[in-house]
Amino acid sequence: MKILVCCGNGLGSSFMIEMNIKKVLAELGVEATVDHCDLASASGSKADIYVGTRDIATQLTSLGGKVVSLNNMIDKQELKEKIGAALVD
C-alpha cells in the first residue's frame, strides 16, 4: 500500500503530515509506504491513498486512489480517524 501526502509546494506541511501518518500507521499496526510531494507532481505518482488539506483535496480525486481530506493538518486524532477509515473502505 502506498500513501502520498500532497500540498501546494510539497515541502514543509506535506512532510509534517507524512511523519504523523507514519506514527498513526505504527499505532494501527499497518505497514505502508508513505511519501510526500507537491500538487503538480502528484499525477506522476500512483498511490492507493492521497492525503491533502481540504483546499487541495478536490484536485486529488482524479488521480485514481482514495482521497483523505484534512480539515486540520496538525490534528493527529483527525488524521488517525480518516486514515483508519480509508484503510477499511
PDB file of N, CA and C in Angstrom:
ATOM      1  N   MET A   1       0.847  -1.172   0.000  1.00  0.00           N
ATOM      2  CA  MET A   1       0.000   0.000   0.000  1.00  0.00           C
ATOM      3  C   MET A   1       0.889   1.230   0.000  1.00  0.00           C
ATOM      4  N   LYS A   2       0.493   2.220  -0.786  1.00  0.00           N
ATOM      5  CA  LYS A   2       1.230   3.474  -0.850  1.00  0.00           C
ATOM      6  C   LYS A   2       0.305   4.636  -0.511  1.00  0.00           C
ATOM      7  N   ILE A   3       0.798   5.513   0.354  1.00  0.00           N
ATOM      8  CA  ILE A   3       0.076   6.724   0.727  1.00  0.00           C
ATOM      9  C   ILE A   3       0.928   7.909   0.303  1.00  0.00           C
ATOM     10  N   LEU A   4       0.322   8.845  -0.403  1.00  0.00           N
ATOM     11  CA  LEU A   4       1.029  10.028  -0.875  1.00  0.00           C
ATOM     12  C   LEU A   4       0.378  11.277  -0.284  1.00  0.00           C
ATOM     13  N   VAL A   5       1.185  12.064   0.402  1.00  0.00           N
ATOM     14  CA  VAL A   5       0.714  13.315   1.003  1.00  0.00           C
ATOM     15  C   VAL A   5       1.069  14.447   0.054  1.00  0.00           C
ATOM     16  N   CYS A   6       0.083  15.265  -0.280  1.00  0.00           N
ATOM     17  CA  CYS A   6       0.296  16.344  -1.231  1.00  0.00           C
ATOM     18  C   CYS A   6      -0.020  17.701  -0.608  1.00  0.00           C
ATOM     19  N   CYS A   7       0.782  18.676  -0.954  1.00  0.00           N
ATOM     20  CA  CYS A   7       0.479  20.054  -0.562  1.00  0.00           C
ATOM     21  C   CYS A   7       0.857  20.959  -1.727  1.00  0.00           C
ATOM     22  N   GLY A   8       0.534  22.209  -1.608  1.00  0.00           N
ATOM     23  CA  GLY A   8       0.767  23.146  -2.694  1.00  0.00           C
ATOM     24  C   GLY A   8       2.208  23.197  -3.175  1.00  0.00           C
ATOM     25  N   ASN A   9       3.155  23.188  -2.239  1.00  0.00           N
ATOM     26  CA  ASN A   9       4.572  23.271  -2.609  1.00  0.00           C
ATOM     27  C   ASN A   9       5.343  21.985  -2.382  1.00  0.00           C
ATOM     28  N   GLY A  10       4.786  21.045  -1.643  1.00  0.00           N
ATOM     29  CA  GLY A  10       5.443  19.762  -1.428  1.00  0.00           C
ATOM     30  C   GLY A  10       6.602  19.805  -0.460  1.00  0.00           C
ATOM     31  N   LEU A  11       6.622  20.787   0.392  1.00  0.00           N
ATOM     32  CA  LEU A  11       7.749  20.918   1.308  1.00  0.00           C
ATOM     33  C   LEU A  11       7.327  20.671   2.751  1.00  0.00           C
ATOM     34  N   GLY A  12       7.292  21.687   3.548  1.00  0.00           N
ATOM     35  CA  GLY A  12       7.104  21.558   4.990  1.00  0.00           C
ATOM     36  C   GLY A  12       5.830  20.895   5.445  1.00  0.00           C
ATOM     37  N   SER A  13       4.690  21.374   4.982  1.00  0.00           N
ATOM     38  CA  SER A  13       3.437  20.848   5.518  1.00  0.00           C
ATOM     39  C   SER A  13       3.214  19.390   5.119  1.00  0.00           C
ATOM     40  N   SER A  14       3.516  19.026   3.890  1.00  0.00           N
ATOM     41  CA  SER A  14       3.320  17.633   3.493  1.00  0.00           C
ATOM     42  C   SER A  14       4.304  16.713   4.203  1.00  0.00           C
ATOM     43  N   PHE A  15       5.511  17.187   4.471  1.00  0.00           N
ATOM     44  CA  PHE A  15       6.490  16.378   5.197  1.00  0.00           C
ATOM     45  C   PHE A  15       6.022  16.164   6.637  1.00  0.00           C
ATOM     46  N   MET A  16       5.473  17.198   7.255  1.00  0.00           N
ATOM     47  CA  MET A  16       4.970  17.082   8.621  1.00  0.00           C
ATOM     48  C   MET A  16       3.814  16.075   8.682  1.00  0.00           C
ATOM     49  N   ILE A  17       2.899  16.158   7.726  1.00  0.00           N
ATOM     50  CA  ILE A  17       1.776  15.222   7.690  1.00  0.00           C
ATOM     51  C   ILE A  17       2.293  13.797   7.442  1.00  0.00           C
ATOM     52  N   GLU A  18       3.280  13.660   6.562  1.00  0.00           N
ATOM     53  CA  GLU A  18       3.877  12.340   6.297  1.00  0.00           C
ATOM     54  C   GLU A  18       4.401  11.712   7.587  1.00  0.00           C
ATOM     55  N   MET A  19       5.125  12.489   8.381  1.00  0.00           N
ATOM     56  CA  MET A  19       5.683  11.973   9.624  1.00  0.00           C
ATOM     57  C   MET A  19       4.565  11.559  10.586  1.00  0.00           C
ATOM     58  N   ASN A  20       3.495  12.344  10.652  1.00  0.00           N
ATOM     59  CA  ASN A  20       2.371  11.998  11.522  1.00  0.00           C
ATOM     60  C   ASN A  20       1.629  10.759  11.031  1.00  0.00           C
ATOM     61  N   ILE A  21       1.516  10.592   9.718  1.00  0.00           N
ATOM     62  CA  ILE A  21       0.876   9.391   9.172  1.00  0.00           C
ATOM     63  C   ILE A  21       1.692   8.158   9.544  1.00  0.00           C
ATOM     64  N   LYS A  22       3.002   8.252   9.472  1.00  0.00           N
ATOM     65  CA  LYS A  22       3.852   7.115   9.846  1.00  0.00           C
ATOM     66  C   LYS A  22       3.631   6.733  11.311  1.00  0.00           C
ATOM     67  N   LYS A  23       3.458   7.727  12.182  1.00  0.00           N
ATOM     68  CA  LYS A  23       3.173   7.456  13.597  1.00  0.00           C
ATOM     69  C   LYS A  23       1.807   6.782  13.748  1.00  0.00           C
ATOM     70  N   VAL A  24       0.814   7.297  13.029  1.00  0.00           N
ATOM     71  CA  VAL A  24      -0.534   6.730  13.090  1.00  0.00           C
ATOM     72  C   VAL A  24      -0.531   5.290  12.583  1.00  0.00           C
ATOM     73  N   LEU A  25       0.148   5.028  11.490  1.00  0.00           N
ATOM     74  CA  LEU A  25       0.205   3.676  10.938  1.00  0.00           C
ATOM     75  C   LEU A  25       0.860   2.715  11.925  1.00  0.00           C
ATOM     76  N   ALA A  26       1.900   3.180  12.593  1.00  0.00           N
ATOM     77  CA  ALA A  26       2.558   2.341  13.603  1.00  0.00           C
ATOM     78  C   ALA A  26       1.592   2.017  14.742  1.00  0.00           C
ATOM     79  N   GLU A  27       0.814   3.003  15.173  1.00  0.00           N
ATOM     80  CA  GLU A  27      -0.181   2.781  16.228  1.00  0.00           C
ATOM     81  C   GLU A  27      -1.251   1.791  15.788  1.00  0.00           C
ATOM     82  N   LEU A  28      -1.616   1.849  14.505  1.00  0.00           N
ATOM     83  CA  LEU A  28      -2.647   0.965  13.970  1.00  0.00           C
ATOM     84  C   LEU A  28      -2.093  -0.399  13.573  1.00  0.00           C
ATOM     85  N   GLY A  29      -0.774  -0.535  13.568  1.00  0.00           N
ATOM     86  CA  GLY A  29      -0.153  -1.797  13.174  1.00  0.00           C
ATOM     87  C   GLY A  29      -0.232  -2.056  11.681  1.00  0.00           C
ATOM     88  N   VAL A  30      -0.221  -0.986  10.893  1.00  0.00           N
ATOM     89  CA  VAL A  30      -0.342  -1.095   9.440  1.00  0.00           C
ATOM     90  C   VAL A  30       0.989  -0.736   8.791  1.00  0.00           C
ATOM     91  N   GLU A  31       1.388  -1.558   7.841  1.00  0.00           N
ATOM     92  CA  GLU A  31       2.620  -1.291   7.113  1.00  0.00           C
ATOM     93  C   GLU A  31       2.270  -0.691   5.756  1.00  0.00           C
ATOM     94  N   ALA A  32       2.873   0.442   5.453  1.00  0.00           N
ATOM     95  CA  ALA A  32       2.618   1.118   4.173  1.00  0.00           C
ATOM     96  C   ALA A  32       3.791   2.021   3.845  1.00  0.00           C
ATOM     97  N   THR A  33       3.939   2.316   2.580  1.00  0.00           N
ATOM     98  CA  THR A  33       4.925   3.286   2.123  1.00  0.00           C
ATOM     99  C   THR A  33       4.253   4.647   2.144  1.00  0.00           C
ATOM    100  N   VAL A  34       4.911   5.624   2.755  1.00  0.00           N
ATOM    101  CA  VAL A  34       4.359   6.973   2.830  1.00  0.00           C
ATOM    102  C   VAL A  34       5.379   7.933   2.251  1.00  0.00           C
ATOM    103  N   ASP A  35       4.928   8.806   1.368  1.00  0.00           N
ATOM    104  CA  ASP A  35       5.803   9.788   0.738  1.00  0.00           C
ATOM    105  C   ASP A  35       5.040  11.107   0.623  1.00  0.00           C
ATOM    106  N   HIS A  36       5.749  12.163   0.252  1.00  0.00           N
ATOM    107  CA  HIS A  36       5.100  13.460   0.075  1.00  0.00           C
ATOM    108  C   HIS A  36       5.592  14.107  -1.212  1.00  0.00           C
ATOM    109  N   CYS A  37       4.764  15.005  -1.740  1.00  0.00           N
ATOM    110  CA  CYS A  37       5.130  15.718  -2.963  1.00  0.00           C
ATOM    111  C   CYS A  37       4.277  16.977  -3.085  1.00  0.00           C
ATOM    112  N   ASP A  38       4.602  17.772  -4.068  1.00  0.00           N
ATOM    113  CA  ASP A  38       3.777  18.944  -4.352  1.00  0.00           C
ATOM    114  C   ASP A  38       2.608  18.525  -5.238  1.00  0.00           C
ATOM    115  N   LEU A  39       1.609  19.346  -5.289  1.00  0.00           N
ATOM    116  CA  LEU A  39       0.388  19.039  -6.023  1.00  0.00           C
ATOM    117  C   LEU A  39       0.651  18.776  -7.510  1.00  0.00           C
ATOM    118  N   ALA A  40       1.544  19.533  -8.100  1.00  0.00           N
ATOM    119  CA  ALA A  40       1.833  19.371  -9.527  1.00  0.00           C
ATOM    120  C   ALA A  40       2.461  18.018  -9.837  1.00  0.00           C
ATOM    121  N   SER A  41       3.202  17.459  -8.896  1.00  0.00           N
ATOM    122  CA  SER A  41       3.871  16.171  -9.109  1.00  0.00           C
ATOM    123  C   SER A  41       2.995  14.975  -8.768  1.00  0.00           C
ATOM    124  N   ALA A  42       1.886  15.196  -8.117  1.00  0.00           N
ATOM    125  CA  ALA A  42       1.042  14.099  -7.642  1.00  0.00           C
ATOM    126  C   ALA A  42       0.547  13.209  -8.773  1.00  0.00           C
ATOM    127  N   SER A  43       0.245  13.782  -9.914  1.00  0.00           N
ATOM    128  CA  SER A  43      -0.290  12.973 -11.014  1.00  0.00           C
ATOM    129  C   SER A  43       0.736  11.977 -11.548  1.00  0.00           C
ATOM    130  N   GLY A  44       2.015  12.203 -11.310  1.00  0.00           N
ATOM    131  CA  GLY A  44       3.057  11.280 -11.758  1.00  0.00           C
ATOM    132  C   GLY A  44       3.393  10.215 -10.745  1.00  0.00           C
ATOM    133  N   SER A  45       2.727  10.221  -9.598  1.00  0.00           N
ATOM    134  CA  SER A  45       2.993   9.250  -8.537  1.00  0.00           C
ATOM    135  C   SER A  45       1.715   8.517  -8.181  1.00  0.00           C
ATOM    136  N   LYS A  46       1.638   7.268  -8.557  1.00  0.00           N
ATOM    137  CA  LYS A  46       0.445   6.479  -8.249  1.00  0.00           C
ATOM    138  C   LYS A  46       0.457   6.058  -6.793  1.00  0.00           C
ATOM    139  N   ALA A  47      -0.696   6.162  -6.154  1.00  0.00           N
ATOM    140  CA  ALA A  47      -0.831   5.778  -4.749  1.00  0.00           C
ATOM    141  C   ALA A  47      -2.219   5.184  -4.522  1.00  0.00           C
ATOM    142  N   ASP A  48      -2.330   4.444  -3.436  1.00  0.00           N
ATOM    143  CA  ASP A  48      -3.630   3.892  -3.053  1.00  0.00           C
ATOM    144  C   ASP A  48      -4.471   4.937  -2.329  1.00  0.00           C
ATOM    145  N   ILE A  49      -3.774   5.782  -1.537  1.00  0.00           N
ATOM    146  CA  ILE A  49      -4.446   6.831  -0.781  1.00  0.00           C
ATOM    147  C   ILE A  49      -3.677   8.134  -0.968  1.00  0.00           C
ATOM    148  N   TYR A  50      -4.400   9.181  -1.326  1.00  0.00           N
ATOM    149  CA  TYR A  50      -3.825  10.525  -1.427  1.00  0.00           C
ATOM    150  C   TYR A  50      -4.353  11.346  -0.260  1.00  0.00           C
ATOM    151  N   VAL A  51      -3.463  12.069   0.402  1.00  0.00           N
ATOM    152  CA  VAL A  51      -3.843  12.874   1.551  1.00  0.00           C
ATOM    153  C   VAL A  51      -3.514  14.329   1.263  1.00  0.00           C
ATOM    154  N   GLY A  52      -4.452  15.202   1.544  1.00  0.00           N
ATOM    155  CA  GLY A  52      -4.223  16.637   1.368  1.00  0.00           C
ATOM    156  C   GLY A  52      -5.155  17.430   2.254  1.00  0.00           C
ATOM    157  N   THR A  53      -4.839  18.688   2.435  1.00  0.00           N
ATOM    158  CA  THR A  53      -5.734  19.554   3.184  1.00  0.00           C
ATOM    159  C   THR A  53      -6.963  19.835   2.324  1.00  0.00           C
ATOM    160  N   ARG A  54      -8.017  20.271   2.968  1.00  0.00           N
ATOM    161  CA  ARG A  54      -9.296  20.418   2.250  1.00  0.00           C
ATOM    162  C   ARG A  54      -9.221  21.384   1.076  1.00  0.00           C
ATOM    163  N   ASP A  55      -8.286  22.324   1.082  1.00  0.00           N
ATOM    164  CA  ASP A  55      -8.195  23.275  -0.026  1.00  0.00           C
ATOM    165  C   ASP A  55      -7.651  22.650  -1.307  1.00  0.00           C
ATOM    166  N   ILE A  56      -6.953  21.524  -1.213  1.00  0.00           N
ATOM    167  CA  ILE A  56      -6.438  20.878  -2.436  1.00  0.00           C
ATOM    168  C   ILE A  56      -6.990  19.470  -2.647  1.00  0.00           C
ATOM    169  N   ALA A  57      -7.718  18.937  -1.690  1.00  0.00           N
ATOM    170  CA  ALA A  57      -8.188  17.549  -1.775  1.00  0.00           C
ATOM    171  C   ALA A  57      -9.042  17.297  -3.013  1.00  0.00           C
ATOM    172  N   THR A  58      -9.854  18.256  -3.410  1.00  0.00           N
ATOM    173  CA  THR A  58     -10.699  18.051  -4.589  1.00  0.00           C
ATOM    174  C   THR A  58      -9.872  17.882  -5.861  1.00  0.00           C
ATOM    175  N   GLN A  59      -8.669  18.421  -5.857  1.00  0.00           N
ATOM    176  CA  GLN A  59      -7.786  18.290  -7.022  1.00  0.00           C
ATOM    177  C   GLN A  59      -7.108  16.918  -7.078  1.00  0.00           C
ATOM    178  N   LEU A  60      -7.245  16.142  -6.023  1.00  0.00           N
ATOM    179  CA  LEU A  60      -6.632  14.814  -5.970  1.00  0.00           C
ATOM    180  C   LEU A  60      -7.598  13.708  -6.394  1.00  0.00           C
ATOM    181  N   THR A  61      -8.871  14.016  -6.503  1.00  0.00           N
ATOM    182  CA  THR A  61      -9.878  12.984  -6.775  1.00  0.00           C
ATOM    183  C   THR A  61      -9.725  12.317  -8.130  1.00  0.00           C
ATOM    184  N   SER A  62      -9.122  12.966  -9.082  1.00  0.00           N
ATOM    185  CA  SER A  62      -8.985  12.393 -10.422  1.00  0.00           C
ATOM    186  C   SER A  62      -7.773  11.489 -10.575  1.00  0.00           C
ATOM    187  N   LEU A  63      -7.007  11.287  -9.497  1.00  0.00           N
ATOM    188  CA  LEU A  63      -5.757  10.527  -9.599  1.00  0.00           C
ATOM    189  C   LEU A  63      -5.942   9.018  -9.460  1.00  0.00           C
ATOM    190  N   GLY A  64      -7.130   8.572  -9.094  1.00  0.00           N
ATOM    191  CA  GLY A  64      -7.413   7.148  -9.106  1.00  0.00           C
ATOM    192  C   GLY A  64      -7.370   6.433  -7.768  1.00  0.00           C
ATOM    193  N   GLY A  65      -6.935   7.074  -6.727  1.00  0.00           N
ATOM    194  CA  GLY A  65      -6.922   6.437  -5.410  1.00  0.00           C
ATOM    195  C   GLY A  65      -7.962   7.059  -4.503  1.00  0.00           C
ATOM    196  N   LYS A  66      -8.000   6.580  -3.274  1.00  0.00           N
ATOM    197  CA  LYS A  66      -8.872   7.196  -2.269  1.00  0.00           C
ATOM    198  C   LYS A  66      -8.255   8.527  -1.867  1.00  0.00           C
ATOM    199  N   VAL A  67      -9.093   9.465  -1.477  1.00  0.00           N
ATOM    200  CA  VAL A  67      -8.614  10.781  -1.060  1.00  0.00           C
ATOM    201  C   VAL A  67      -9.040  11.047   0.379  1.00  0.00           C
ATOM    202  N   VAL A  68      -8.065  11.424   1.186  1.00  0.00           N
ATOM    203  CA  VAL A  68      -8.328  11.833   2.565  1.00  0.00           C
ATOM    204  C   VAL A  68      -8.150  13.341   2.622  1.00  0.00           C
ATOM    205  N   SER A  69      -9.213  14.032   2.992  1.00  0.00           N
ATOM    206  CA  SER A  69      -9.205  15.486   3.097  1.00  0.00           C
ATOM    207  C   SER A  69      -9.117  15.882   4.565  1.00  0.00           C
ATOM    208  N   LEU A  70      -8.073  16.626   4.905  1.00  0.00           N
ATOM    209  CA  LEU A  70      -7.856  17.034   6.289  1.00  0.00           C
ATOM    210  C   LEU A  70      -8.343  18.458   6.530  1.00  0.00           C
ATOM    211  N   ASN A  71      -9.112  18.642   7.574  1.00  0.00           N
ATOM    212  CA  ASN A  71      -9.537  19.981   7.971  1.00  0.00           C
ATOM    213  C   ASN A  71      -8.425  20.697   8.733  1.00  0.00           C
ATOM    214  N   ASN A  72      -7.659  19.932   9.502  1.00  0.00           N
ATOM    215  CA  ASN A  72      -6.599  20.493  10.331  1.00  0.00           C
ATOM    216  C   ASN A  72      -5.378  19.589  10.209  1.00  0.00           C
ATOM    217  N   MET A  73      -4.347  20.064   9.556  1.00  0.00           N
ATOM    218  CA  MET A  73      -3.200  19.201   9.267  1.00  0.00           C
ATOM    219  C   MET A  73      -2.368  18.840  10.489  1.00  0.00           C
ATOM    220  N   ILE A  74      -2.595  19.479  11.630  1.00  0.00           N
ATOM    221  CA  ILE A  74      -1.840  19.122  12.823  1.00  0.00           C
ATOM    222  C   ILE A  74      -2.668  18.339  13.843  1.00  0.00           C
ATOM    223  N   ASP A  75      -3.907  18.032  13.511  1.00  0.00           N
ATOM    224  CA  ASP A  75      -4.782  17.274  14.395  1.00  0.00           C
ATOM    225  C   ASP A  75      -4.546  15.781  14.181  1.00  0.00           C
ATOM    226  N   LYS A  76      -3.757  15.175  15.058  1.00  0.00           N
ATOM    227  CA  LYS A  76      -3.393  13.768  14.913  1.00  0.00           C
ATOM    228  C   LYS A  76      -4.606  12.854  15.055  1.00  0.00           C
ATOM    229  N   GLN A  77      -5.580  13.236  15.889  1.00  0.00           N
ATOM    230  CA  GLN A  77      -6.772  12.413  16.052  1.00  0.00           C
ATOM    231  C   GLN A  77      -7.596  12.381  14.755  1.00  0.00           C
ATOM    232  N   GLU A  78      -7.760  13.525  14.115  1.00  0.00           N
ATOM    233  CA  GLU A  78      -8.469  13.557  12.827  1.00  0.00           C
ATOM    234  C   GLU A  78      -7.737  12.692  11.808  1.00  0.00           C
ATOM    235  N   LEU A  79      -6.431  12.813  11.787  1.00  0.00           N
ATOM    236  CA  LEU A  79      -5.622  12.033  10.855  1.00  0.00           C
ATOM    237  C   LEU A  79      -5.812  10.540  11.108  1.00  0.00           C
ATOM    238  N   LYS A  80      -5.769  10.145  12.363  1.00  0.00           N
ATOM    239  CA  LYS A  80      -5.922   8.732  12.709  1.00  0.00           C
ATOM    240  C   LYS A  80      -7.297   8.201  12.290  1.00  0.00           C
ATOM    241  N   GLU A  81      -8.337   8.977  12.549  1.00  0.00           N
ATOM    242  CA  GLU A  81      -9.694   8.559  12.176  1.00  0.00           C
ATOM    243  C   GLU A  81      -9.855   8.432  10.666  1.00  0.00           C
ATOM    244  N   LYS A  82      -9.356   9.437   9.940  1.00  0.00           N
ATOM    245  CA  LYS A  82      -9.565   9.436   8.482  1.00  0.00           C
ATOM    246  C   LYS A  82      -8.678   8.425   7.758  1.00  0.00           C
ATOM    247  N   ILE A  83      -7.448   8.268   8.213  1.00  0.00           N
ATOM    248  CA  ILE A  83      -6.578   7.245   7.604  1.00  0.00           C
ATOM    249  C   ILE A  83      -7.133   5.862   7.931  1.00  0.00           C
ATOM    250  N   GLY A  84      -7.567   5.663   9.171  1.00  0.00           N
ATOM    251  CA  GLY A  84      -8.162   4.382   9.563  1.00  0.00           C
ATOM    252  C   GLY A  84      -9.371   4.038   8.709  1.00  0.00           C
ATOM    253  N   ALA A  85     -10.235   5.017   8.466  1.00  0.00           N
ATOM    254  CA  ALA A  85     -11.423   4.800   7.633  1.00  0.00           C
ATOM    255  C   ALA A  85     -11.032   4.480   6.186  1.00  0.00           C
ATOM    256  N   ALA A  86     -10.033   5.162   5.659  1.00  0.00           N
ATOM    257  CA  ALA A  86      -9.588   4.931   4.280  1.00  0.00           C
ATOM    258  C   ALA A  86      -8.993   3.542   4.129  1.00  0.00           C
ATOM    259  N   LEU A  87      -8.356   3.047   5.158  1.00  0.00           N
ATOM    260  CA  LEU A  87      -7.764   1.705   5.111  1.00  0.00           C
ATOM    261  C   LEU A  87      -8.826   0.621   5.102  1.00  0.00           C
ATOM    262  N   VAL A  88      -9.972   0.894   5.721  1.00  0.00           N
ATOM    263  CA  VAL A  88     -11.059  -0.085   5.809  1.00  0.00           C
ATOM    264  C   VAL A  88     -11.905  -0.089   4.551  1.00  0.00           C
ATOM    265  N   ASP A  89     -12.152   1.071   3.980  1.00  0.00           N
ATOM    266  CA  ASP A  89     -13.043   1.193   2.806  1.00  0.00           C
ATOM    267  C   ASP A  89     -12.542   0.437   1.608  1.00  0.00           C
TER     268      ASP A  89
END
